[in-house]
Amino acid sequence: MTAQIRIDPTLCRGHAICALFFSDAVDLDQWGFGKVAVSVIDSERDLRRARRAAAACPNGAFVVTGADGSVDNGARRPRRLRVRAAR
C-alpha cells in the first residue's frame, strides 16, 4: 500500500513527537517544528510508524493519506478545549 504523509503547519505546535516516532521521514527545523523529508511511504513498517506518529500528535497536524485519498490518522483525534459558562 502506498500512502503519503504531510504536516499541517497551522496545527503544528512543535512538540516533535512525530520525529520521535518516525525520524526517517520527519525532520525538525531550528524551532522544533516538523517538516516532511520523505512524503511517500511504500513499506508496511513505515506505514505503521506513520500511523503511530499521527495518533501521537496532540494537535492532529501529522496526516497520513492513503492512495485512495482517505485520511488515516490512527485512533486518536486532536483534543478540543471545552469552555463552560459561569453559573
Foldseek 3Di string as FASTA:
>chain_A
DKKFKFFAPVQWPQPLLLCVLQVVFWDADPSRTIGGNDTMDDDPVNVVSLLVSLQPRQRNRMWMADPVGDIRRHDHDHDDDDDDDDD
